[in-house]
All heavy atoms as atom14 arrays in JSON, in Angstrom:
{
  "sequence": "FAENRKGSMREITELLTNNSLNIYCAITNDSAEYGIVRLLVDET",
  "atom14_mask": [
    [1, 1, 1, 1, 1, 1, 1, 1, 1, 1, 1, 0, 0, 0],
    [1, 1, 1, 1, 1, 0, 0, 0, 0, 0, 0, 0, 0, 0],
    [1, 1, 1, 1, 1, 1, 1, 1, 1, 0, 0, 0, 0, 0],
    [1, 1, 1, 1, 1, 1, 1, 1, 0, 0, 0, 0, 0, 0],
    [1, 1, 1, 1, 1, 1, 1, 1, 1, 1, 1, 0, 0, 0],
    [1, 1, 1, 1, 1, 1, 1, 1, 1, 0, 0, 0, 0, 0],
    [1, 1, 1, 1, 0, 0, 0, 0, 0, 0, 0, 0, 0, 0],
    [1, 1, 1, 1, 1, 1, 0, 0, 0, 0, 0, 0, 0, 0],
    [1, 1, 1, 1, 1, 1, 1, 1, 0, 0, 0, 0, 0, 0],
    [1, 1, 1, 1, 1, 1, 1, 1, 1, 1, 1, 0, 0, 0],
    [1, 1, 1, 1, 1, 1, 1, 1, 1, 0, 0, 0, 0, 0],
    [1, 1, 1, 1, 1, 1, 1, 1, 0, 0, 0, 0, 0, 0],
    [1, 1, 1, 1, 1, 1, 1, 0, 0, 0, 0, 0, 0, 0],
    [1, 1, 1, 1, 1, 1, 1, 1, 1, 0, 0, 0, 0, 0],
    [1, 1, 1, 1, 1, 1, 1, 1, 0, 0, 0, 0, 0, 0],
    [1, 1, 1, 1, 1, 1, 1, 1, 0, 0, 0, 0, 0, 0],
    [1, 1, 1, 1, 1, 1, 1, 0, 0, 0, 0, 0, 0, 0],
    [1, 1, 1, 1, 1, 1, 1, 1, 0, 0, 0, 0, 0, 0],
    [1, 1, 1, 1, 1, 1, 1, 1, 0, 0, 0, 0, 0, 0],
    [1, 1, 1, 1, 1, 1, 0, 0, 0, 0, 0, 0, 0, 0],
    [1, 1, 1, 1, 1, 1, 1, 1, 0, 0, 0, 0, 0, 0],
    [1, 1, 1, 1, 1, 1, 1, 1, 0, 0, 0, 0, 0, 0],
    [1, 1, 1, 1, 1, 1, 1, 1, 0, 0, 0, 0, 0, 0],
    [1, 1, 1, 1, 1, 1, 1, 1, 1, 1, 1, 1, 0, 0],
    [1, 1, 1, 1, 1, 1, 0, 0, 0, 0, 0, 0, 0, 0],
    [1, 1, 1, 1, 1, 0, 0, 0, 0, 0, 0, 0, 0, 0],
    [1, 1, 1, 1, 1, 1, 1, 1, 0, 0, 0, 0, 0, 0],
    [1, 1, 1, 1, 1, 1, 1, 0, 0, 0, 0, 0, 0, 0],
    [1, 1, 1, 1, 1, 1, 1, 1, 0, 0, 0, 0, 0, 0],
    [1, 1, 1, 1, 1, 1, 1, 1, 0, 0, 0, 0, 0, 0],
    [1, 1, 1, 1, 1, 1, 0, 0, 0, 0, 0, 0, 0, 0],
    [1, 1, 1, 1, 1, 0, 0, 0, 0, 0, 0, 0, 0, 0],
    [1, 1, 1, 1, 1, 1, 1, 1, 1, 0, 0, 0, 0, 0],
    [1, 1, 1, 1, 1, 1, 1, 1, 1, 1, 1, 1, 0, 0],
    [1, 1, 1, 1, 0, 0, 0, 0, 0, 0, 0, 0, 0, 0],
    [1, 1, 1, 1, 1, 1, 1, 1, 0, 0, 0, 0, 0, 0],
    [1, 1, 1, 1, 1, 1, 1, 0, 0, 0, 0, 0, 0, 0],
    [1, 1, 1, 1, 1, 1, 1, 1, 1, 1, 1, 0, 0, 0],
    [1, 1, 1, 1, 1, 1, 1, 1, 0, 0, 0, 0, 0, 0],
    [1, 1, 1, 1, 1, 1, 1, 1, 0, 0, 0, 0, 0, 0],
    [1, 1, 1, 1, 1, 1, 1, 0, 0, 0, 0, 0, 0, 0],
    [1, 1, 1, 1, 1, 1, 1, 1, 0, 0, 0, 0, 0, 0],
    [1, 1, 1, 1, 1, 1, 1, 1, 1, 0, 0, 0, 0, 0],
    [1, 1, 1, 1, 1, 1, 1, 0, 0, 0, 0, 0, 0, 0]
  ],
  "atom14_positions": [
    [[101.95, 128.73, 109.73], [100.63, 128.48, 109.2], [99.73, 128.12, 110.39], [99.95, 127.22, 111.12], [100.67, 127.3, 108.16], [101.51, 127.63, 107.06], [102.82, 127.22, 107.02], [101.08, 128.4, 105.94], [103.67, 127.54, 105.96], [101.9, 128.71, 104.91], [103.19, 128.29, 104.88], [0.0, 0.0, 0.0], [0.0, 0.0, 0.0], [0.0, 0.0, 0.0]],
    [[98.74, 129.0, 110.64], [97.95, 128.91, 111.82], [96.46, 128.81, 111.44], [96.0, 129.47, 110.53], [98.15, 130.13, 112.71], [0.0, 0.0, 0.0], [0.0, 0.0, 0.0], [0.0, 0.0, 0.0], [0.0, 0.0, 0.0], [0.0, 0.0, 0.0], [0.0, 0.0, 0.0], [0.0, 0.0, 0.0], [0.0, 0.0, 0.0], [0.0, 0.0, 0.0]],
    [[95.77, 127.99, 112.15], [94.34, 127.84, 111.97], [93.66, 129.19, 112.22], [93.99, 129.85, 113.22], [93.78, 126.72, 112.83], [92.43, 126.31, 112.53], [91.92, 125.15, 113.39], [92.79, 124.52, 114.1], [90.73, 124.91, 113.32], [0.0, 0.0, 0.0], [0.0, 0.0, 0.0], [0.0, 0.0, 0.0], [0.0, 0.0, 0.0], [0.0, 0.0, 0.0]],
    [[92.73, 129.53, 111.4], [92.01, 130.77, 111.54], [90.82, 130.58, 112.52], [89.68, 130.25, 112.15], [91.43, 131.27, 110.15], [90.95, 132.68, 110.25], [90.98, 133.32, 111.27], [90.47, 133.15, 109.12], [0.0, 0.0, 0.0], [0.0, 0.0, 0.0], [0.0, 0.0, 0.0], [0.0, 0.0, 0.0], [0.0, 0.0, 0.0], [0.0, 0.0, 0.0]],
    [[91.17, 130.65, 113.84], [90.2, 130.43, 114.92], [90.58, 131.32, 116.11], [91.77, 131.75, 116.24], [90.15, 128.99, 115.33], [91.45, 128.46, 115.9], [91.26, 127.09, 116.45], [92.54, 126.48, 116.78], [93.31, 126.89, 117.84], [92.92, 127.86, 118.65], [94.44, 126.35, 118.09], [0.0, 0.0, 0.0], [0.0, 0.0, 0.0], [0.0, 0.0, 0.0]],
    [[89.65, 131.52, 116.93], [89.82, 132.3, 118.13], [90.96, 131.71, 118.98], [91.04, 130.57, 119.23], [88.52, 132.35, 118.99], [88.59, 133.16, 120.21], [87.3, 133.14, 120.94], [87.33, 133.96, 122.26], [86.09, 133.91, 122.93], [0.0, 0.0, 0.0], [0.0, 0.0, 0.0], [0.0, 0.0, 0.0], [0.0, 0.0, 0.0], [0.0, 0.0, 0.0]],
    [[91.9, 132.6, 119.38], [92.98, 132.22, 120.27], [94.25, 131.71, 119.61], [95.25, 131.45, 120.24], [0.0, 0.0, 0.0], [0.0, 0.0, 0.0], [0.0, 0.0, 0.0], [0.0, 0.0, 0.0], [0.0, 0.0, 0.0], [0.0, 0.0, 0.0], [0.0, 0.0, 0.0], [0.0, 0.0, 0.0], [0.0, 0.0, 0.0], [0.0, 0.0, 0.0]],
    [[94.19, 131.48, 118.28], [95.32, 130.89, 117.57], [96.6, 131.73, 117.69], [97.67, 131.27, 117.94], [94.97, 130.69, 116.13], [96.0, 130.05, 115.4], [0.0, 0.0, 0.0], [0.0, 0.0, 0.0], [0.0, 0.0, 0.0], [0.0, 0.0, 0.0], [0.0, 0.0, 0.0], [0.0, 0.0, 0.0], [0.0, 0.0, 0.0], [0.0, 0.0, 0.0]],
    [[96.42, 133.07, 117.47], [97.58, 134.0, 117.52], [98.13, 134.04, 118.93], [99.31, 134.07, 119.19], [97.19, 135.36, 116.99], [98.27, 136.36, 117.02], [99.5, 135.99, 115.75], [100.58, 137.31, 115.94], [0.0, 0.0, 0.0], [0.0, 0.0, 0.0], [0.0, 0.0, 0.0], [0.0, 0.0, 0.0], [0.0, 0.0, 0.0], [0.0, 0.0, 0.0]],
    [[97.24, 134.07, 119.9], [97.63, 134.16, 121.33], [98.48, 132.89, 121.7], [99.42, 133.0, 122.45], [96.4, 134.29, 122.24], [96.91, 134.59, 123.67], [95.94, 134.12, 124.72], [95.33, 132.87, 124.5], [95.89, 131.67, 124.78], [97.12, 131.58, 125.27], [95.23, 130.54, 124.51], [0.0, 0.0, 0.0], [0.0, 0.0, 0.0], [0.0, 0.0, 0.0]],
    [[98.11, 131.75, 121.16], [98.88, 130.53, 121.46], [100.33, 130.67, 121.0], [101.26, 130.28, 121.68], [98.2, 129.33, 120.79], [96.91, 128.92, 121.47], [96.19, 127.88, 120.63], [96.73, 127.36, 119.62], [95.02, 127.56, 121.05], [0.0, 0.0, 0.0], [0.0, 0.0, 0.0], [0.0, 0.0, 0.0], [0.0, 0.0, 0.0], [0.0, 0.0, 0.0]],
    [[100.5, 131.27, 119.86], [101.88, 131.54, 119.36], [102.58, 132.47, 120.23], [103.74, 132.18, 120.66], [101.79, 131.99, 117.88], [101.22, 130.87, 116.97], [103.16, 132.51, 117.45], [100.85, 131.42, 115.54], [0.0, 0.0, 0.0], [0.0, 0.0, 0.0], [0.0, 0.0, 0.0], [0.0, 0.0, 0.0], [0.0, 0.0, 0.0], [0.0, 0.0, 0.0]],
    [[101.99, 133.6, 120.54], [102.67, 134.61, 121.35], [102.93, 134.13, 122.8], [103.94, 134.45, 123.36], [101.92, 135.97, 121.35], [100.62, 135.73, 121.95], [101.81, 136.54, 119.96], [0.0, 0.0, 0.0], [0.0, 0.0, 0.0], [0.0, 0.0, 0.0], [0.0, 0.0, 0.0], [0.0, 0.0, 0.0], [0.0, 0.0, 0.0], [0.0, 0.0, 0.0]],
    [[101.99, 133.31, 123.28], [102.21, 132.78, 124.68], [103.4, 131.86, 124.67], [104.23, 131.88, 125.63], [101.0, 132.1, 125.14], [101.02, 131.55, 126.55], [99.74, 131.03, 127.05], [99.27, 130.03, 126.51], [99.25, 131.54, 128.04], [0.0, 0.0, 0.0], [0.0, 0.0, 0.0], [0.0, 0.0, 0.0], [0.0, 0.0, 0.0], [0.0, 0.0, 0.0]],
    [[103.49, 130.99, 123.69], [104.61, 130.04, 123.61], [105.95, 130.77, 123.56], [106.87, 130.44, 124.28], [104.44, 129.17, 122.39], [105.54, 128.08, 122.11], [105.65, 127.09, 123.26], [105.32, 127.4, 120.81], [0.0, 0.0, 0.0], [0.0, 0.0, 0.0], [0.0, 0.0, 0.0], [0.0, 0.0, 0.0], [0.0, 0.0, 0.0], [0.0, 0.0, 0.0]],
    [[106.0, 131.79, 122.77], [107.24, 132.61, 122.64], [107.53, 133.39, 123.93], [108.67, 133.4, 124.4], [107.22, 133.5, 121.43], [107.04, 132.84, 120.06], [106.92, 133.83, 118.93], [108.19, 131.91, 119.84], [0.0, 0.0, 0.0], [0.0, 0.0, 0.0], [0.0, 0.0, 0.0], [0.0, 0.0, 0.0], [0.0, 0.0, 0.0], [0.0, 0.0, 0.0]],
    [[106.46, 133.97, 124.49], [106.65, 134.69, 125.77], [107.17, 133.78, 126.88], [108.07, 134.17, 127.61], [105.29, 135.36, 126.18], [104.88, 136.28, 125.17], [105.37, 136.07, 127.52], [0.0, 0.0, 0.0], [0.0, 0.0, 0.0], [0.0, 0.0, 0.0], [0.0, 0.0, 0.0], [0.0, 0.0, 0.0], [0.0, 0.0, 0.0], [0.0, 0.0, 0.0]],
    [[106.56, 132.61, 126.99], [106.95, 131.69, 128.06], [108.32, 131.14, 127.95], [108.88, 130.62, 128.85], [105.95, 130.55, 128.18], [104.63, 130.93, 128.72], [104.43, 131.99, 129.25], [103.61, 130.12, 128.47], [0.0, 0.0, 0.0], [0.0, 0.0, 0.0], [0.0, 0.0, 0.0], [0.0, 0.0, 0.0], [0.0, 0.0, 0.0], [0.0, 0.0, 0.0]],
    [[108.93, 131.37, 126.78], [110.3, 130.95, 126.52], [111.22, 132.11, 126.27], [112.29, 132.03, 125.69], [110.35, 130.03, 125.33], [109.78, 128.62, 125.71], [110.44, 127.82, 126.23], [108.42, 128.46, 125.47], [0.0, 0.0, 0.0], [0.0, 0.0, 0.0], [0.0, 0.0, 0.0], [0.0, 0.0, 0.0], [0.0, 0.0, 0.0], [0.0, 0.0, 0.0]],
    [[110.79, 133.32, 126.78], [111.6, 134.51, 126.75], [112.18, 134.91, 125.37], [113.24, 135.4, 125.2], [112.8, 134.4, 127.74], [112.34, 134.17, 129.01], [0.0, 0.0, 0.0], [0.0, 0.0, 0.0], [0.0, 0.0, 0.0], [0.0, 0.0, 0.0], [0.0, 0.0, 0.0], [0.0, 0.0, 0.0], [0.0, 0.0, 0.0], [0.0, 0.0, 0.0]],
    [[111.24, 134.73, 124.36], [111.58, 135.15, 122.99], [110.87, 136.45, 122.67], [109.63, 136.54, 122.96], [111.21, 134.06, 122.0], [112.12, 132.84, 122.1], [111.45, 131.55, 121.55], [113.43, 133.08, 121.31], [0.0, 0.0, 0.0], [0.0, 0.0, 0.0], [0.0, 0.0, 0.0], [0.0, 0.0, 0.0], [0.0, 0.0, 0.0], [0.0, 0.0, 0.0]],
    [[111.57, 137.39, 122.19], [111.0, 138.7, 121.95], [110.63, 138.83, 120.45], [111.37, 138.61, 119.56], [112.07, 139.78, 122.31], [111.45, 141.13, 122.44], [110.2, 141.33, 122.47], [112.29, 142.18, 122.57], [0.0, 0.0, 0.0], [0.0, 0.0, 0.0], [0.0, 0.0, 0.0], [0.0, 0.0, 0.0], [0.0, 0.0, 0.0], [0.0, 0.0, 0.0]],
    [[109.39, 139.24, 120.26], [108.83, 139.54, 118.92], [109.1, 140.97, 118.56], [108.7, 141.9, 119.24], [107.33, 139.23, 118.87], [106.98, 137.77, 119.22], [106.78, 139.63, 117.5], [105.57, 137.48, 119.43], [0.0, 0.0, 0.0], [0.0, 0.0, 0.0], [0.0, 0.0, 0.0], [0.0, 0.0, 0.0], [0.0, 0.0, 0.0], [0.0, 0.0, 0.0]],
    [[109.86, 141.16, 117.49], [110.15, 142.54, 116.95], [109.07, 142.97, 116.08], [108.75, 144.18, 115.98], [111.49, 142.5, 116.18], [112.67, 142.24, 117.09], [113.75, 141.57, 116.57], [112.82, 142.72, 118.39], [114.89, 141.36, 117.3], [113.94, 142.43, 119.14], [115.02, 141.81, 118.63], [116.13, 141.54, 119.37], [0.0, 0.0, 0.0], [0.0, 0.0, 0.0]],
    [[108.48, 142.09, 115.27], [107.53, 142.54, 114.33], [106.59, 141.31, 114.02], [107.04, 140.2, 113.98], [108.25, 142.95, 113.05], [107.15, 143.48, 111.73], [0.0, 0.0, 0.0], [0.0, 0.0, 0.0], [0.0, 0.0, 0.0], [0.0, 0.0, 0.0], [0.0, 0.0, 0.0], [0.0, 0.0, 0.0], [0.0, 0.0, 0.0], [0.0, 0.0, 0.0]],
    [[105.32, 141.59, 113.84], [104.33, 140.51, 113.5], [103.35, 141.06, 112.52], [102.9, 142.21, 112.58], [103.61, 140.07, 114.81], [0.0, 0.0, 0.0], [0.0, 0.0, 0.0], [0.0, 0.0, 0.0], [0.0, 0.0, 0.0], [0.0, 0.0, 0.0], [0.0, 0.0, 0.0], [0.0, 0.0, 0.0], [0.0, 0.0, 0.0], [0.0, 0.0, 0.0]],
    [[103.02, 140.25, 111.54], [101.98, 140.58, 110.57], [101.25, 139.31, 110.26], [101.81, 138.22, 110.23], [102.57, 141.24, 109.31], [101.41, 141.7, 108.4], [103.52, 140.3, 108.6], [101.92, 142.65, 107.31], [0.0, 0.0, 0.0], [0.0, 0.0, 0.0], [0.0, 0.0, 0.0], [0.0, 0.0, 0.0], [0.0, 0.0, 0.0], [0.0, 0.0, 0.0]],
    [[99.97, 139.36, 110.08], [99.14, 138.21, 109.79], [98.37, 138.5, 108.43], [97.99, 139.57, 108.1], [98.1, 137.96, 110.85], [97.24, 139.02, 111.01], [98.8, 137.67, 112.18], [0.0, 0.0, 0.0], [0.0, 0.0, 0.0], [0.0, 0.0, 0.0], [0.0, 0.0, 0.0], [0.0, 0.0, 0.0], [0.0, 0.0, 0.0], [0.0, 0.0, 0.0]],
    [[98.22, 137.39, 107.71], [97.37, 137.37, 106.53], [96.42, 136.2, 106.73], [96.82, 135.11, 107.12], [98.18, 137.14, 105.24], [99.26, 138.22, 105.03], [99.71, 138.79, 106.0], [99.65, 138.33, 103.82], [0.0, 0.0, 0.0], [0.0, 0.0, 0.0], [0.0, 0.0, 0.0], [0.0, 0.0, 0.0], [0.0, 0.0, 0.0], [0.0, 0.0, 0.0]],
    [[95.17, 136.39, 106.43], [94.22, 135.31, 106.68], [93.49, 134.83, 105.44], [93.5, 135.56, 104.46], [93.2, 135.65, 107.78], [92.19, 136.73, 107.3], [92.48, 137.42, 106.3], [91.11, 136.74, 107.89], [0.0, 0.0, 0.0], [0.0, 0.0, 0.0], [0.0, 0.0, 0.0], [0.0, 0.0, 0.0], [0.0, 0.0, 0.0], [0.0, 0.0, 0.0]],
    [[93.0, 133.67, 105.51], [92.08, 133.13, 104.53], [90.9, 132.52, 105.29], [90.84, 132.64, 106.52], [92.8, 132.13, 103.6], [93.22, 130.97, 104.41], [0.0, 0.0, 0.0], [0.0, 0.0, 0.0], [0.0, 0.0, 0.0], [0.0, 0.0, 0.0], [0.0, 0.0, 0.0], [0.0, 0.0, 0.0], [0.0, 0.0, 0.0], [0.0, 0.0, 0.0]],
    [[90.12, 131.78, 104.61], [88.88, 131.21, 105.34], [89.27, 130.28, 106.49], [88.66, 130.33, 107.51], [88.03, 130.5, 104.32], [0.0, 0.0, 0.0], [0.0, 0.0, 0.0], [0.0, 0.0, 0.0], [0.0, 0.0, 0.0], [0.0, 0.0, 0.0], [0.0, 0.0, 0.0], [0.0, 0.0, 0.0], [0.0, 0.0, 0.0], [0.0, 0.0, 0.0]],
    [[90.28, 129.39, 106.28], [90.52, 128.37, 107.28], [91.93, 128.51, 107.95], [92.05, 128.23, 109.14], [90.47, 126.96, 106.6], [89.04, 126.6, 106.18], [88.98, 125.25, 105.63], [89.89, 124.45, 105.87], [88.01, 124.99, 104.85], [0.0, 0.0, 0.0], [0.0, 0.0, 0.0], [0.0, 0.0, 0.0], [0.0, 0.0, 0.0], [0.0, 0.0, 0.0]],
    [[92.89, 129.01, 107.21], [94.24, 129.19, 107.76], [94.79, 130.62, 107.43], [94.39, 131.22, 106.48], [95.15, 128.17, 107.18], [94.96, 126.8, 107.74], [94.05, 125.93, 107.23], [95.64, 126.45, 108.93], [93.78, 124.66, 107.77], [95.42, 125.17, 109.53], [94.45, 124.32, 108.87], [94.28, 123.05, 109.5], [0.0, 0.0, 0.0], [0.0, 0.0, 0.0]],
    [[95.67, 131.04, 108.24], [96.3, 132.26, 108.01], [97.84, 132.07, 108.09], [98.33, 131.0, 108.53], [0.0, 0.0, 0.0], [0.0, 0.0, 0.0], [0.0, 0.0, 0.0], [0.0, 0.0, 0.0], [0.0, 0.0, 0.0], [0.0, 0.0, 0.0], [0.0, 0.0, 0.0], [0.0, 0.0, 0.0], [0.0, 0.0, 0.0], [0.0, 0.0, 0.0]],
    [[98.57, 133.05, 107.65], [100.03, 133.04, 107.73], [100.42, 134.16, 108.74], [100.12, 135.31, 108.58], [100.73, 133.28, 106.43], [100.33, 132.17, 105.47], [102.29, 133.3, 106.61], [100.87, 132.38, 104.04], [0.0, 0.0, 0.0], [0.0, 0.0, 0.0], [0.0, 0.0, 0.0], [0.0, 0.0, 0.0], [0.0, 0.0, 0.0], [0.0, 0.0, 0.0]],
    [[101.16, 133.76, 109.76], [101.67, 134.7, 110.73], [103.16, 134.87, 110.42], [103.87, 133.88, 110.4], [101.5, 134.19, 112.22], [102.13, 135.21, 113.15], [100.05, 133.95, 112.52], [0.0, 0.0, 0.0], [0.0, 0.0, 0.0], [0.0, 0.0, 0.0], [0.0, 0.0, 0.0], [0.0, 0.0, 0.0], [0.0, 0.0, 0.0], [0.0, 0.0, 0.0]],
    [[103.64, 136.06, 110.09], [105.01, 136.33, 109.81], [105.63, 137.09, 110.99], [105.12, 138.08, 111.37], [105.21, 137.06, 108.53], [104.74, 136.21, 107.33], [105.1, 136.94, 105.99], [104.9, 135.93, 104.89], [103.85, 135.98, 104.09], [102.89, 136.84, 104.27], [103.77, 135.07, 103.12], [0.0, 0.0, 0.0], [0.0, 0.0, 0.0], [0.0, 0.0, 0.0]],
    [[106.74, 136.53, 111.51], [107.38, 137.17, 112.71], [108.82, 137.41, 112.44], [109.51, 136.58, 111.85], [107.25, 136.19, 113.92], [105.91, 135.75, 114.42], [106.03, 134.76, 115.53], [105.1, 136.98, 114.87], [0.0, 0.0, 0.0], [0.0, 0.0, 0.0], [0.0, 0.0, 0.0], [0.0, 0.0, 0.0], [0.0, 0.0, 0.0], [0.0, 0.0, 0.0]],
    [[109.32, 138.5, 113.04], [110.74, 138.74, 113.17], [110.94, 138.69, 114.73], [110.23, 139.36, 115.48], [111.13, 140.11, 112.67], [110.87, 140.38, 111.17], [111.36, 141.74, 110.8], [111.5, 139.34, 110.28], [0.0, 0.0, 0.0], [0.0, 0.0, 0.0], [0.0, 0.0, 0.0], [0.0, 0.0, 0.0], [0.0, 0.0, 0.0], [0.0, 0.0, 0.0]],
    [[111.79, 137.86, 115.13], [112.04, 137.63, 116.54], [113.53, 137.82, 116.87], [114.4, 137.76, 115.97], [111.56, 136.22, 117.04], [110.05, 136.13, 116.87], [112.23, 135.12, 116.33], [0.0, 0.0, 0.0], [0.0, 0.0, 0.0], [0.0, 0.0, 0.0], [0.0, 0.0, 0.0], [0.0, 0.0, 0.0], [0.0, 0.0, 0.0], [0.0, 0.0, 0.0]],
    [[113.85, 137.79, 118.17], [115.29, 138.07, 118.63], [116.16, 136.8, 118.37], [117.32, 136.9, 118.16], [115.35, 138.59, 119.99], [114.75, 137.65, 121.04], [113.98, 136.73, 120.68], [115.05, 137.94, 122.24], [0.0, 0.0, 0.0], [0.0, 0.0, 0.0], [0.0, 0.0, 0.0], [0.0, 0.0, 0.0], [0.0, 0.0, 0.0], [0.0, 0.0, 0.0]],
    [[115.54, 135.59, 118.41], [116.3, 134.32, 118.24], [115.48, 133.41, 117.29], [114.79, 132.55, 117.75], [116.5, 133.63, 119.58], [117.4, 134.43, 120.58], [117.52, 133.67, 121.89], [118.05, 132.54, 121.84], [117.17, 134.25, 122.9], [0.0, 0.0, 0.0], [0.0, 0.0, 0.0], [0.0, 0.0, 0.0], [0.0, 0.0, 0.0], [0.0, 0.0, 0.0]],
    [[115.75, 133.64, 115.98], [114.94, 132.94, 115.01], [115.09, 131.48, 115.09], [114.03, 130.75, 115.07], [115.37, 133.46, 113.58], [115.24, 134.9, 113.57], [114.47, 132.81, 112.51], [0.0, 0.0, 0.0], [0.0, 0.0, 0.0], [0.0, 0.0, 0.0], [0.0, 0.0, 0.0], [0.0, 0.0, 0.0], [0.0, 0.0, 0.0], [0.0, 0.0, 0.0]]
  ]
}
């Protein structure tokens, strides 16, 4: 559950990148204030 604001998705991807976690698939759904980011990663 991520706040719907500039840079929110990048914060997630940066955290995973900096910890050598690979994203296989990503999809986002948004609403006015929050969105849902769904990820498949190599080490859930």
